[in-house]
Amino acid sequence: MRTATSHDVARVAGVSQSTVSRALRDDPSISAATRQHVRAVATSLGYVPIDRGRSLSTRQTQRVGIVSAELTNPFYPELVEPLRGSLERHGYRALLIPEGDDSEQALQSLSDGSLDGVVMTTAALGARLPHLLHRRGVPVVLVNRQLDGTGLDTCVMDNANGARAVADLLAGLGHRSIAMITGPATTSTSRDREAGFLAGLAEHGLALPTARIRRGEFSYQAGRAAAVDLLDGPDRPTAIFCLNDVIALGACNAAAARGLTPGRDLTLVGFDDIAMAEWDVFSLTTVRCDLPAMAGAAVSLLLKRVRDPDREPERLVLTAELVLRATHGAPR
């Protein structure tokens, strides 16, 4: 993919290359009208000035941006750290960049030439930023979440089959009164886990009524509130599948506040296997995502893209593993 140059901007704008350079640096010797005109042309062509920090010999900075919007969720620090470590082992410095709401501002900062590539961990369905970066020639890899029909390198866990394994577990234990607490419908993780779980239940002849589905954020507060609603309702479930571990931890505390012991009085299953899930106080039955493996695979995809910008995109799906601990059991 050919990227626009300052020569292209100068030709379309009808000015010299030196004028383009000075206009984009906001040189006061260039009139405001000319600066505005040059910037408009540069934006329309997708021209990105090369940052001074980029090596003149290699045209690389050895820096990669890791974009994440949900660092209060312990899953993301546990993903970001192996991403940083893998990049470091390949000679790259990782810059953690919070994902904001202003995609235009993020686009400018991520495509100004100061980064050799970008890893995005929290892209929502319908997100524009990954596409815009790709069009500007910035190597981009999606990790943990995916976008449909993008043509972008992607590395995710097998969310659907991981959730299907939970359905098999609950059906095998004899549960029939089952509930689910999901995450945002705008994320591929929530969508794919929900679809896999429902499909798995259907294979056992089980349906999940909408009255036993609660939707919210991937947060402890949302999990606790949803579990309170389910457990205090007239049709208390015997098992609850939580679409991530943070939701499940909130549900565990809601159950404990009602004198219920997960694994004895109520089955609770999470997804992700964050470090807290293994703590003795929770000992959460969950689905493991091998985050170091996912991080290593994502970095490998990114570096291949840096070396060969025109290669065909890859989509890697890593196996998810059911981890049996103490919060599941047969219905009482």
C-alpha atoms as a PDB file:
ATOM      1  CA  MET A   1       0.000   0.000   0.000  1.00  0.00           C
ATOM      2  CA  ARG A   2       1.602   3.293  -1.141  1.00  0.00           C
ATOM      3  CA  THR A   3       1.418   6.090   1.404  1.00  0.00           C
ATOM      4  CA  ALA A   4       1.132   9.750   0.466  1.00  0.00           C
ATOM      5  CA  THR A   5       4.289  11.895   0.482  1.00  0.00           C
ATOM      6  CA  SER A   6       4.931  15.597   0.969  1.00  0.00           C
ATOM      7  CA  HIS A   7       5.442  15.768  -2.814  1.00  0.00           C
ATOM      8  CA  ASP A   8       1.866  14.528  -3.301  1.00  0.00           C
ATOM      9  CA  VAL A   9       0.546  17.127  -0.875  1.00  0.00           C
ATOM     10  CA  ALA A  10       2.513  19.899  -2.592  1.00  0.00           C
ATOM     11  CA  ARG A  11       1.263  18.861  -6.032  1.00  0.00           C
ATOM     12  CA  VAL A  12      -2.411  18.710  -5.016  1.00  0.00           C
ATOM     13  CA  ALA A  13      -2.221  21.886  -2.923  1.00  0.00           C
ATOM     14  CA  GLY A  14      -0.377  23.784  -5.647  1.00  0.00           C
ATOM     15  CA  VAL A  15       2.521  24.831  -3.410  1.00  0.00           C
ATOM     16  CA  SER A  16       6.169  23.867  -2.971  1.00  0.00           C
ATOM     17  CA  GLN A  17       7.343  21.001  -0.736  1.00  0.00           C
ATOM     18  CA  SER A  18       9.094  23.491   1.522  1.00  0.00           C
ATOM     19  CA  THR A  19       5.788  25.324   1.942  1.00  0.00           C
ATOM     20  CA  VAL A  20       4.122  22.052   2.874  1.00  0.00           C
ATOM     21  CA  SER A  21       6.796  21.367   5.491  1.00  0.00           C
ATOM     22  CA  ARG A  22       6.561  24.842   6.985  1.00  0.00           C
ATOM     23  CA  ALA A  23       2.748  24.880   6.904  1.00  0.00           C
ATOM     24  CA  LEU A  24       2.524  21.597   8.791  1.00  0.00           C
ATOM     25  CA  ARG A  25       4.961  22.960  11.387  1.00  0.00           C
ATOM     26  CA  ASP A  26       2.728  26.026  11.824  1.00  0.00           C
ATOM     27  CA  ASP A  27       5.547  28.279  10.633  1.00  0.00           C
ATOM     28  CA  PRO A  28       4.261  31.854  11.094  1.00  0.00           C
ATOM     29  CA  SER A  29       5.881  32.873   7.810  1.00  0.00           C
ATOM     30  CA  ILE A  30       3.110  30.895   6.053  1.00  0.00           C
ATOM     31  CA  SER A  31      -0.292  32.575   6.004  1.00  0.00           C
ATOM     32  CA  ALA A  32      -3.090  31.058   8.069  1.00  0.00           C
ATOM     33  CA  ALA A  33      -5.147  30.443   4.916  1.00  0.00           C
ATOM     34  CA  THR A  34      -2.288  28.533   3.254  1.00  0.00           C
ATOM     35  CA  ARG A  35      -1.635  26.506   6.404  1.00  0.00           C
ATOM     36  CA  GLN A  36      -5.307  25.569   6.599  1.00  0.00           C
ATOM     37  CA  HIS A  37      -5.375  24.636   2.905  1.00  0.00           C
ATOM     38  CA  VAL A  38      -2.251  22.474   3.143  1.00  0.00           C
ATOM     39  CA  ARG A  39      -3.531  20.706   6.252  1.00  0.00           C
ATOM     40  CA  ALA A  40      -6.846  19.964   4.543  1.00  0.00           C
ATOM     41  CA  VAL A  41      -5.062  18.465   1.540  1.00  0.00           C
ATOM     42  CA  ALA A  42      -2.708  16.445   3.771  1.00  0.00           C
ATOM     43  CA  THR A  43      -5.679  15.034   5.697  1.00  0.00           C
ATOM     44  CA  SER A  44      -7.574  14.136   2.514  1.00  0.00           C
ATOM     45  CA  LEU A  45      -4.521  12.260   1.172  1.00  0.00           C
ATOM     46  CA  GLY A  46      -3.778  10.565   4.499  1.00  0.00           C
ATOM     47  CA  TYR A  47      -0.302  12.111   4.611  1.00  0.00           C
ATOM     48  CA  VAL A  48       1.567  11.574   7.899  1.00  0.00           C
ATOM     49  CA  PRO A  49       4.753  13.602   8.547  1.00  0.00           C
ATOM     50  CA  ILE A  50       7.648  11.434   9.660  1.00  0.00           C
ATOM     51  CA  ASP A  51       8.464  12.082  13.295  1.00  0.00           C
ATOM     52  CA  ARG A  52      11.942  13.357  14.123  1.00  0.00           C
ATOM     53  CA  GLY A  53      12.465  10.419  16.452  1.00  0.00           C
ATOM     54  CA  ARG A  54      12.329   7.970  13.552  1.00  0.00           C
ATOM     55  CA  SER A  55      15.720   6.660  12.504  1.00  0.00           C
ATOM     56  CA  LEU A  56      16.847   8.070   9.179  1.00  0.00           C
ATOM     57  CA  SER A  57      18.533   4.800   8.272  1.00  0.00           C
ATOM     58  CA  THR A  58      15.864   2.288   9.294  1.00  0.00           C
ATOM     59  CA  ARG A  59      12.782   4.546   9.192  1.00  0.00           C
ATOM     60  CA  GLN A  60      11.775   2.874  12.473  1.00  0.00           C
ATOM     61  CA  THR A  61      11.467   4.105  16.044  1.00  0.00           C
ATOM     62  CA  GLN A  62      11.451   0.699  17.770  1.00  0.00           C
ATOM     63  CA  ARG A  63       8.338   1.855  19.630  1.00  0.00           C
ATOM     64  CA  VAL A  64       4.898   0.232  19.611  1.00  0.00           C
ATOM     65  CA  GLY A  65       1.704   1.635  21.080  1.00  0.00           C
ATOM     66  CA  ILE A  66      -0.536  -0.603  23.193  1.00  0.00           C
ATOM     67  CA  VAL A  67      -4.026   0.884  23.239  1.00  0.00           C
ATOM     68  CA  SER A  68      -6.301  -0.119  26.123  1.00  0.00           C
ATOM     69  CA  ALA A  69      -9.363   1.549  27.610  1.00  0.00           C
ATOM     70  CA  GLU A  70     -10.187  -0.628  30.623  1.00  0.00           C
ATOM     71  CA  LEU A  71      -7.158  -0.782  32.898  1.00  0.00           C
ATOM     72  CA  THR A  72      -9.387  -0.889  35.989  1.00  0.00           C
ATOM     73  CA  ASN A  73     -10.315  -4.412  34.873  1.00  0.00           C
ATOM     74  CA  PRO A  74      -7.448  -6.653  36.103  1.00  0.00           C
ATOM     75  CA  PHE A  75      -7.661  -8.683  32.885  1.00  0.00           C
ATOM     76  CA  TYR A  76      -6.029  -5.876  30.901  1.00  0.00           C
ATOM     77  CA  PRO A  77      -2.911  -5.312  33.045  1.00  0.00           C
ATOM     78  CA  GLU A  78      -2.467  -9.097  32.912  1.00  0.00           C
ATOM     79  CA  LEU A  79      -2.546  -8.861  29.096  1.00  0.00           C
ATOM     80  CA  VAL A  80      -0.539  -5.646  28.748  1.00  0.00           C
ATOM     81  CA  GLU A  81       2.413  -6.934  30.791  1.00  0.00           C
ATOM     82  CA  PRO A  82       3.151  -9.965  28.554  1.00  0.00           C
ATOM     83  CA  LEU A  83       2.632  -7.734  25.509  1.00  0.00           C
ATOM     84  CA  ARG A  84       5.258  -5.357  26.896  1.00  0.00           C
ATOM     85  CA  GLY A  85       7.604  -8.209  27.727  1.00  0.00           C
ATOM     86  CA  SER A  86       7.270  -9.809  24.296  1.00  0.00           C
ATOM     87  CA  LEU A  87       7.901  -6.494  22.541  1.00  0.00           C
ATOM     88  CA  GLU A  88      10.921  -5.841  24.756  1.00  0.00           C
ATOM     89  CA  ARG A  89      12.413  -9.221  23.866  1.00  0.00           C
ATOM     90  CA  HIS A  90      12.178  -8.204  20.208  1.00  0.00           C
ATOM     91  CA  GLY A  91      13.908  -4.894  20.848  1.00  0.00           C
ATOM     92  CA  TYR A  92      10.803  -2.693  20.966  1.00  0.00           C
ATOM     93  CA  ARG A  93       9.701  -0.253  23.608  1.00  0.00           C
ATOM     94  CA  ALA A  94       5.991  -0.397  24.519  1.00  0.00           C
ATOM     95  CA  LEU A  95       3.998   2.783  25.115  1.00  0.00           C
ATOM     96  CA  LEU A  96       0.686   2.335  26.934  1.00  0.00           C
ATOM     97  CA  ILE A  97      -1.936   4.612  25.410  1.00  0.00           C
ATOM     98  CA  PRO A  98      -5.399   5.001  26.990  1.00  0.00           C
ATOM     99  CA  GLU A  99      -8.127   4.759  24.369  1.00  0.00           C
ATOM    100  CA  GLY A 100     -10.258   7.895  24.464  1.00  0.00           C
ATOM    101  CA  ASP A 101     -13.526   8.882  22.821  1.00  0.00           C
ATOM    102  CA  ASP A 102     -11.959  11.276  20.301  1.00  0.00           C
ATOM    103  CA  SER A 103     -10.967   8.966  17.444  1.00  0.00           C
ATOM    104  CA  GLU A 104      -9.627  11.871  15.355  1.00  0.00           C
ATOM    105  CA  GLN A 105      -7.239  12.952  18.095  1.00  0.00           C
ATOM    106  CA  ALA A 106      -6.181   9.338  18.690  1.00  0.00           C
ATOM    107  CA  LEU A 107      -5.663   8.866  14.951  1.00  0.00           C
ATOM    108  CA  GLN A 108      -3.311  11.835  14.776  1.00  0.00           C
ATOM    109  CA  SER A 109      -1.244  10.772  17.788  1.00  0.00           C
ATOM    110  CA  LEU A 110      -1.005   7.121  16.716  1.00  0.00           C
ATOM    111  CA  SER A 111      -0.151   7.825  13.081  1.00  0.00           C
ATOM    112  CA  ASP A 112       2.311  10.721  13.456  1.00  0.00           C
ATOM    113  CA  GLY A 113       5.269   8.490  12.652  1.00  0.00           C
ATOM    114  CA  SER A 114       6.438   8.093  16.245  1.00  0.00           C
ATOM    115  CA  LEU A 115       5.290   4.444  16.425  1.00  0.00           C
ATOM    116  CA  ASP A 116       6.196   1.441  14.299  1.00  0.00           C
ATOM    117  CA  GLY A 117       2.860  -0.210  15.011  1.00  0.00           C
ATOM    118  CA  VAL A 118      -0.171  -0.388  17.272  1.00  0.00           C
ATOM    119  CA  VAL A 119      -1.706  -3.221  19.318  1.00  0.00           C
ATOM    120  CA  MET A 120      -5.364  -2.630  20.204  1.00  0.00           C
ATOM    121  CA  THR A 121      -6.805  -4.614  23.135  1.00  0.00           C
ATOM    122  CA  THR A 122     -10.270  -3.111  23.659  1.00  0.00           C
ATOM    123  CA  ALA A 123     -11.676  -2.347  20.198  1.00  0.00           C
ATOM    124  CA  ALA A 124     -15.477  -2.314  20.257  1.00  0.00           C
ATOM    125  CA  LEU A 125     -17.600  -3.663  17.432  1.00  0.00           C
ATOM    126  CA  GLY A 126     -17.964  -0.901  14.875  1.00  0.00           C
ATOM    127  CA  ALA A 127     -14.785   0.892  15.984  1.00  0.00           C
ATOM    128  CA  ARG A 128     -13.382   3.169  13.261  1.00  0.00           C
ATOM    129  CA  LEU A 129      -9.895   3.809  14.618  1.00  0.00           C
ATOM    130  CA  PRO A 130      -8.298   0.473  13.555  1.00  0.00           C
ATOM    131  CA  HIS A 131      -9.566   0.962   9.990  1.00  0.00           C
ATOM    132  CA  LEU A 132      -8.341   4.549   9.847  1.00  0.00           C
ATOM    133  CA  LEU A 133      -4.884   3.563  11.096  1.00  0.00           C
ATOM    134  CA  HIS A 134      -4.729   0.752   8.538  1.00  0.00           C
ATOM    135  CA  ARG A 135      -5.620   3.154   5.726  1.00  0.00           C
ATOM    136  CA  ARG A 136      -2.764   5.410   6.802  1.00  0.00           C
ATOM    137  CA  GLY A 137      -0.331   2.544   6.541  1.00  0.00           C
ATOM    138  CA  VAL A 138       0.129   2.018  10.295  1.00  0.00           C
ATOM    139  CA  PRO A 139       0.645  -1.674  11.177  1.00  0.00           C
ATOM    140  CA  VAL A 140      -2.248  -2.657  13.464  1.00  0.00           C
ATOM    141  CA  VAL A 141      -3.045  -5.866  15.339  1.00  0.00           C
ATOM    142  CA  LEU A 142      -6.258  -6.529  17.237  1.00  0.00           C
ATOM    143  CA  VAL A 143      -5.810  -8.711  20.316  1.00  0.00           C
ATOM    144  CA  ASN A 144      -8.485 -10.130  22.642  1.00  0.00           C
ATOM    145  CA  ARG A 145     -11.293  -8.549  20.597  1.00  0.00           C
ATOM    146  CA  GLN A 146     -12.062  -8.677  16.907  1.00  0.00           C
ATOM    147  CA  LEU A 147     -13.932  -6.656  14.304  1.00  0.00           C
ATOM    148  CA  ASP A 148     -16.001  -8.305  11.605  1.00  0.00           C
ATOM    149  CA  GLY A 149     -14.879  -8.165   7.983  1.00  0.00           C
ATOM    150  CA  THR A 150     -11.858  -5.965   8.610  1.00  0.00           C
ATOM    151  CA  GLY A 151      -8.891  -7.514   6.864  1.00  0.00           C
ATOM    152  CA  LEU A 152      -6.797  -6.708   9.964  1.00  0.00           C
ATOM    153  CA  ASP A 153      -4.421  -9.044  11.776  1.00  0.00           C
ATOM    154  CA  THR A 154      -6.268 -10.436  14.793  1.00  0.00           C
ATOM    155  CA  CYS A 155      -5.482 -12.733  17.725  1.00  0.00           C
ATOM    156  CA  VAL A 156      -8.315 -13.881  20.008  1.00  0.00           C
ATOM    157  CA  MET A 157      -9.260 -16.720  22.295  1.00  0.00           C
ATOM    158  CA  ASP A 158     -11.863 -19.265  21.184  1.00  0.00           C
ATOM    159  CA  ASN A 159     -14.614 -17.510  23.125  1.00  0.00           C
ATOM    160  CA  ALA A 160     -17.498 -19.449  21.596  1.00  0.00           C
ATOM    161  CA  ASN A 161     -16.105 -22.913  22.328  1.00  0.00           C
ATOM    162  CA  GLY A 162     -14.913 -21.846  25.771  1.00  0.00           C
ATOM    163  CA  ALA A 163     -18.475 -20.837  26.630  1.00  0.00           C
ATOM    164  CA  ARG A 164     -19.818 -24.018  25.039  1.00  0.00           C
ATOM    165  CA  ALA A 165     -17.657 -26.004  27.470  1.00  0.00           C
ATOM    166  CA  VAL A 166     -19.365 -24.170  30.342  1.00  0.00           C
ATOM    167  CA  ALA A 167     -22.762 -25.170  28.944  1.00  0.00           C
ATOM    168  CA  ASP A 168     -21.589 -28.798  28.791  1.00  0.00           C
ATOM    169  CA  LEU A 169     -20.416 -28.602  32.407  1.00  0.00           C
ATOM    170  CA  LEU A 170     -23.675 -27.170  33.739  1.00  0.00           C
ATOM    171  CA  ALA A 171     -25.847 -29.569  31.755  1.00  0.00           C
ATOM    172  CA  GLY A 172     -23.708 -32.510  32.877  1.00  0.00           C
ATOM    173  CA  LEU A 173     -24.115 -31.485  36.523  1.00  0.00           C
ATOM    174  CA  GLY A 174     -27.879 -31.541  36.085  1.00  0.00           C
ATOM    175  CA  HIS A 175     -28.616 -27.810  36.155  1.00  0.00           C
ATOM    176  CA  ARG A 176     -31.830 -26.733  34.464  1.00  0.00           C
ATOM    177  CA  SER A 177     -32.430 -23.362  36.120  1.00  0.00           C
ATOM    178  CA  ILE A 178     -29.502 -21.481  34.575  1.00  0.00           C
ATOM    179  CA  ALA A 179     -28.807 -17.750  34.320  1.00  0.00           C
ATOM    180  CA  MET A 180     -26.220 -15.661  32.510  1.00  0.00           C
ATOM    181  CA  ILE A 181     -24.635 -12.278  33.230  1.00  0.00           C
ATOM    182  CA  THR A 182     -23.191 -10.811  30.045  1.00  0.00           C
ATOM    183  CA  GLY A 183     -20.945  -7.899  29.158  1.00  0.00           C
ATOM    184  CA  PRO A 184     -21.584  -5.050  26.707  1.00  0.00           C
ATOM    185  CA  ALA A 185     -23.231  -6.051  23.433  1.00  0.00           C
ATOM    186  CA  THR A 186     -20.724  -3.786  21.672  1.00  0.00           C
ATOM    187  CA  THR A 187     -17.847  -6.225  22.267  1.00  0.00           C
ATOM    188  CA  SER A 188     -16.988  -9.361  20.316  1.00  0.00           C
ATOM    189  CA  THR A 189     -16.026 -11.148  23.534  1.00  0.00           C
ATOM    190  CA  SER A 190     -19.505 -10.756  25.017  1.00  0.00           C
ATOM    191  CA  ARG A 191     -21.247 -11.559  21.745  1.00  0.00           C
ATOM    192  CA  ASP A 192     -19.217 -14.696  21.008  1.00  0.00           C
ATOM    193  CA  ARG A 193     -19.318 -16.077  24.548  1.00  0.00           C
ATOM    194  CA  GLU A 194     -23.059 -15.560  24.754  1.00  0.00           C
ATOM    195  CA  ALA A 195     -23.625 -17.221  21.368  1.00  0.00           C
ATOM    196  CA  GLY A 196     -21.426 -20.194  22.280  1.00  0.00           C
ATOM    197  CA  PHE A 197     -23.154 -20.680  25.621  1.00  0.00           C
ATOM    198  CA  LEU A 198     -26.652 -20.558  24.123  1.00  0.00           C
ATOM    199  CA  ALA A 199     -25.645 -22.958  21.363  1.00  0.00           C
ATOM    200  CA  GLY A 200     -24.134 -25.330  23.907  1.00  0.00           C
ATOM    201  CA  LEU A 201     -27.282 -25.306  26.044  1.00  0.00           C
ATOM    202  CA  ALA A 202     -29.420 -25.938  22.961  1.00  0.00           C
ATOM    203  CA  GLU A 203     -27.358 -29.055  22.190  1.00  0.00           C
ATOM    204  CA  HIS A 204     -28.515 -30.387  25.562  1.00  0.00           C
ATOM    205  CA  GLY A 205     -32.119 -29.436  24.925  1.00  0.00           C
ATOM    206  CA  LEU A 206     -31.931 -26.465  27.278  1.00  0.00           C
ATOM    207  CA  ALA A 207     -33.149 -22.920  26.649  1.00  0.00           C
ATOM    208  CA  LEU A 208     -32.187 -19.762  28.490  1.00  0.00           C
ATOM    209  CA  PRO A 209     -35.195 -17.468  29.027  1.00  0.00           C
ATOM    210  CA  THR A 210     -34.503 -13.755  28.650  1.00  0.00           C
ATOM    211  CA  ALA A 211     -35.810 -13.330  32.203  1.00  0.00           C
ATOM    212  CA  ARG A 212     -32.626 -15.065  33.415  1.00  0.00           C
ATOM    213  CA  ILE A 213     -30.220 -12.950  31.336  1.00  0.00           C
ATOM    214  CA  ARG A 214     -28.699  -9.774  32.739  1.00  0.00           C
ATOM    215  CA  ARG A 215     -26.631  -7.402  30.594  1.00  0.00           C
ATOM    216  CA  GLY A 216     -24.149  -4.849  31.856  1.00  0.00           C
ATOM    217  CA  GLU A 217     -20.502  -3.825  31.921  1.00  0.00           C
ATOM    218  CA  PHE A 218     -17.540  -6.135  32.439  1.00  0.00           C
ATOM    219  CA  SER A 219     -17.222  -4.903  36.020  1.00  0.00           C
ATOM    220  CA  TYR A 220     -17.433  -6.099  39.613  1.00  0.00           C
ATOM    221  CA  GLN A 221     -20.240  -3.636  40.360  1.00  0.00           C
ATOM    222  CA  ALA A 222     -22.304  -4.825  37.391  1.00  0.00           C
ATOM    223  CA  GLY A 223     -21.778  -8.467  38.344  1.00  0.00           C
ATOM    224  CA  ARG A 224     -22.807  -7.925  41.939  1.00  0.00           C
ATOM    225  CA  ALA A 225     -25.909  -5.907  40.997  1.00  0.00           C
ATOM    226  CA  ALA A 226     -27.007  -8.454  38.397  1.00  0.00           C
ATOM    227  CA  ALA A 227     -26.483 -11.362  40.801  1.00  0.00           C
ATOM    228  CA  VAL A 228     -28.486  -9.585  43.520  1.00  0.00           C
ATOM    229  CA  ASP A 229     -31.336  -9.163  41.062  1.00  0.00           C
ATOM    230  CA  LEU A 230     -31.228 -12.813  40.033  1.00  0.00           C
ATOM    231  CA  LEU A 231     -30.811 -14.245  43.534  1.00  0.00           C
ATOM    232  CA  ASP A 232     -33.519 -12.071  45.092  1.00  0.00           C
ATOM    233  CA  GLY A 233     -35.997 -12.783  42.303  1.00  0.00           C
ATOM    234  CA  PRO A 234     -38.858 -15.283  42.369  1.00  0.00           C
ATOM    235  CA  ASP A 235     -37.050 -17.773  40.088  1.00  0.00           C
ATOM    236  CA  ARG A 236     -33.627 -18.141  41.716  1.00  0.00           C
ATOM    237  CA  PRO A 237     -31.208 -19.964  39.377  1.00  0.00           C
ATOM    238  CA  THR A 238     -29.087 -22.864  40.531  1.00  0.00           C
ATOM    239  CA  ALA A 239     -26.212 -21.851  38.236  1.00  0.00           C
ATOM    240  CA  ILE A 240     -24.968 -18.547  36.827  1.00  0.00           C
ATOM    241  CA  PHE A 241     -22.506 -18.205  33.959  1.00  0.00           C
ATOM    242  CA  CYS A 242     -20.647 -14.889  34.134  1.00  0.00           C
ATOM    243  CA  LEU A 243     -19.027 -13.746  30.915  1.00  0.00           C
ATOM    244  CA  ASN A 244     -15.839 -12.639  32.648  1.00  0.00           C
ATOM    245  CA  ASP A 245     -14.173 -13.247  35.999  1.00  0.00           C
ATOM    246  CA  VAL A 246     -14.672  -9.730  37.337  1.00  0.00           C
ATOM    247  CA  ILE A 247     -18.429 -10.118  36.906  1.00  0.00           C
ATOM    248  CA  ALA A 248     -18.158 -13.528  38.593  1.00  0.00           C
ATOM    249  CA  LEU A 249     -16.304 -12.102  41.595  1.00  0.00           C
ATOM    250  CA  GLY A 250     -19.092  -9.588  42.068  1.00  0.00           C
ATOM    251  CA  ALA A 251     -21.603 -12.424  41.866  1.00  0.00           C
ATOM    252  CA  CYS A 252     -19.620 -14.443  44.427  1.00  0.00           C
ATOM    253  CA  ASN A 253     -19.832 -11.626  46.942  1.00  0.00           C
ATOM    254  CA  ALA A 254     -23.540 -11.123  46.268  1.00  0.00           C
ATOM    255  CA  ALA A 255     -24.083 -14.819  46.950  1.00  0.00           C
ATOM    256  CA  ALA A 256     -21.996 -14.768  50.132  1.00  0.00           C
ATOM    257  CA  ALA A 257     -23.979 -11.765  51.430  1.00  0.00           C
ATOM    258  CA  ARG A 258     -27.083 -13.940  51.129  1.00  0.00           C
ATOM    259  CA  GLY A 259     -25.568 -16.854  53.018  1.00  0.00           C
ATOM    260  CA  LEU A 260     -24.987 -18.870  49.851  1.00  0.00           C
ATOM    261  CA  THR A 261     -21.740 -20.757  49.322  1.00  0.00           C
ATOM    262  CA  PRO A 262     -20.668 -20.965  45.656  1.00  0.00           C
ATOM    263  CA  GLY A 263     -20.075 -24.588  44.755  1.00  0.00           C
ATOM    264  CA  ARG A 264     -22.498 -25.869  47.411  1.00  0.00           C
ATOM    265  CA  ASP A 265     -25.639 -23.721  47.236  1.00  0.00           C
ATOM    266  CA  LEU A 266     -25.039 -22.141  43.841  1.00  0.00           C
ATOM    267  CA  THR A 267     -22.799 -22.787  40.849  1.00  0.00           C
ATOM    268  CA  LEU A 268     -20.866 -19.774  39.527  1.00  0.00           C
ATOM    269  CA  VAL A 269     -18.568 -19.940  36.501  1.00  0.00           C
ATOM    270  CA  GLY A 270     -16.448 -17.122  35.084  1.00  0.00           C
ATOM    271  CA  PHE A 271     -14.298 -16.590  32.019  1.00  0.00           C
ATOM    272  CA  ASP A 272     -10.650 -15.442  31.550  1.00  0.00           C
ATOM    273  CA  ASP A 273      -8.903 -16.985  34.607  1.00  0.00           C
ATOM    274  CA  ILE A 274      -7.415 -13.750  35.907  1.00  0.00           C
ATOM    275  CA  ALA A 275      -4.975 -14.144  38.808  1.00  0.00           C
ATOM    276  CA  MET A 276      -7.629 -13.326  41.439  1.00  0.00           C
ATOM    277  CA  ALA A 277      -9.783 -16.250  40.252  1.00  0.00           C
ATOM    278  CA  GLU A 278      -7.242 -18.673  41.734  1.00  0.00           C
ATOM    279  CA  TRP A 279      -7.136 -17.018  45.148  1.00  0.00           C
ATOM    280  CA  ASP A 280      -8.323 -19.369  47.896  1.00  0.00           C
ATOM    281  CA  VAL A 281     -11.086 -16.977  48.943  1.00  0.00           C
ATOM    282  CA  PHE A 282     -12.677 -17.375  45.482  1.00  0.00           C
ATOM    283  CA  SER A 283     -11.222 -20.550  43.893  1.00  0.00           C
ATOM    284  CA  LEU A 284     -13.376 -19.731  40.875  1.00  0.00           C
ATOM    285  CA  THR A 285     -14.294 -22.272  38.240  1.00  0.00           C
ATOM    286  CA  THR A 286     -13.641 -20.474  34.978  1.00  0.00           C
ATOM    287  CA  VAL A 287     -12.351 -20.633  31.409  1.00  0.00           C
ATOM    288  CA  ARG A 288      -8.649 -19.967  31.009  1.00  0.00           C
ATOM    289  CA  CYS A 289      -7.279 -17.593  28.416  1.00  0.00           C
ATOM    290  CA  ASP A 290      -3.521 -18.098  28.031  1.00  0.00           C
ATOM    291  CA  LEU A 291      -2.619 -14.404  28.021  1.00  0.00           C
ATOM    292  CA  PRO A 292       1.161 -14.829  27.569  1.00  0.00           C
ATOM    293  CA  ALA A 293       0.479 -17.032  24.533  1.00  0.00           C
ATOM    294  CA  MET A 294      -2.027 -14.541  23.150  1.00  0.00           C
ATOM    295  CA  ALA A 295       0.374 -11.648  23.709  1.00  0.00           C
ATOM    296  CA  GLY A 296       3.251 -13.477  22.033  1.00  0.00           C
ATOM    297  CA  ALA A 297       1.119 -14.399  19.029  1.00  0.00           C
ATOM    298  CA  ALA A 298      -0.151 -10.824  18.678  1.00  0.00           C
ATOM    299  CA  VAL A 299       3.369  -9.382  18.776  1.00  0.00           C
ATOM    300  CA  SER A 300       4.489 -11.924  16.181  1.00  0.00           C
ATOM    301  CA  LEU A 301       1.645 -10.826  13.881  1.00  0.00           C
ATOM    302  CA  LEU A 302       2.550  -7.174  14.361  1.00  0.00           C
ATOM    303  CA  LEU A 303       6.239  -7.639  13.590  1.00  0.00           C
ATOM    304  CA  LYS A 304       5.418  -9.627  10.458  1.00  0.00           C
ATOM    305  CA  ARG A 305       3.169  -6.750   9.396  1.00  0.00           C
ATOM    306  CA  VAL A 306       5.944  -4.218  10.065  1.00  0.00           C
ATOM    307  CA  ARG A 307       8.351  -6.220   7.886  1.00  0.00           C
ATOM    308  CA  ASP A 308       5.818  -6.896   5.138  1.00  0.00           C
ATOM    309  CA  PRO A 309       2.995  -4.303   5.029  1.00  0.00           C
ATOM    310  CA  ASP A 310       1.303  -5.952   2.031  1.00  0.00           C
ATOM    311  CA  ARG A 311       1.057  -9.504   3.376  1.00  0.00           C
ATOM    312  CA  GLU A 312      -2.332 -11.176   3.681  1.00  0.00           C
ATOM    313  CA  PRO A 313      -3.971 -10.586   7.093  1.00  0.00           C
ATOM    314  CA  GLU A 314      -4.055 -13.430   9.622  1.00  0.00           C
ATOM    315  CA  ARG A 315      -6.605 -14.340  12.255  1.00  0.00           C
ATOM    316  CA  LEU A 316      -5.340 -16.553  15.070  1.00  0.00           C
ATOM    317  CA  VAL A 317      -7.759 -18.274  17.454  1.00  0.00           C
ATOM    318  CA  LEU A 318      -6.223 -19.760  20.600  1.00  0.00           C
ATOM    319  CA  THR A 319      -7.822 -22.628  22.505  1.00  0.00           C
ATOM    320  CA  ALA A 320      -9.716 -21.768  25.698  1.00  0.00           C
ATOM    321  CA  GLU A 321      -9.535 -24.287  28.560  1.00  0.00           C
ATOM    322  CA  LEU A 322     -12.141 -25.001  31.238  1.00  0.00           C
ATOM    323  CA  VAL A 323     -10.567 -24.811  34.718  1.00  0.00           C
ATOM    324  CA  LEU A 324     -12.465 -26.683  37.440  1.00  0.00           C
ATOM    325  CA  ARG A 325     -12.064 -25.263  40.930  1.00  0.00           C
ATOM    326  CA  ALA A 326     -14.519 -24.887  43.810  1.00  0.00           C
ATOM    327  CA  THR A 327     -17.527 -22.854  42.618  1.00  0.00           C
ATOM    328  CA  HIS A 328     -19.401 -25.526  40.667  1.00  0.00           C
ATOM    329  CA  GLY A 329     -21.500 -28.463  41.781  1.00  0.00           C
ATOM    330  CA  ALA A 330     -24.760 -30.297  41.216  1.00  0.00           C
ATOM    331  CA  PRO A 331     -27.993 -28.413  42.015  1.00  0.00           C
ATOM    332  CA  ARG A 332     -29.398 -28.962  45.517  1.00  0.00           C
END
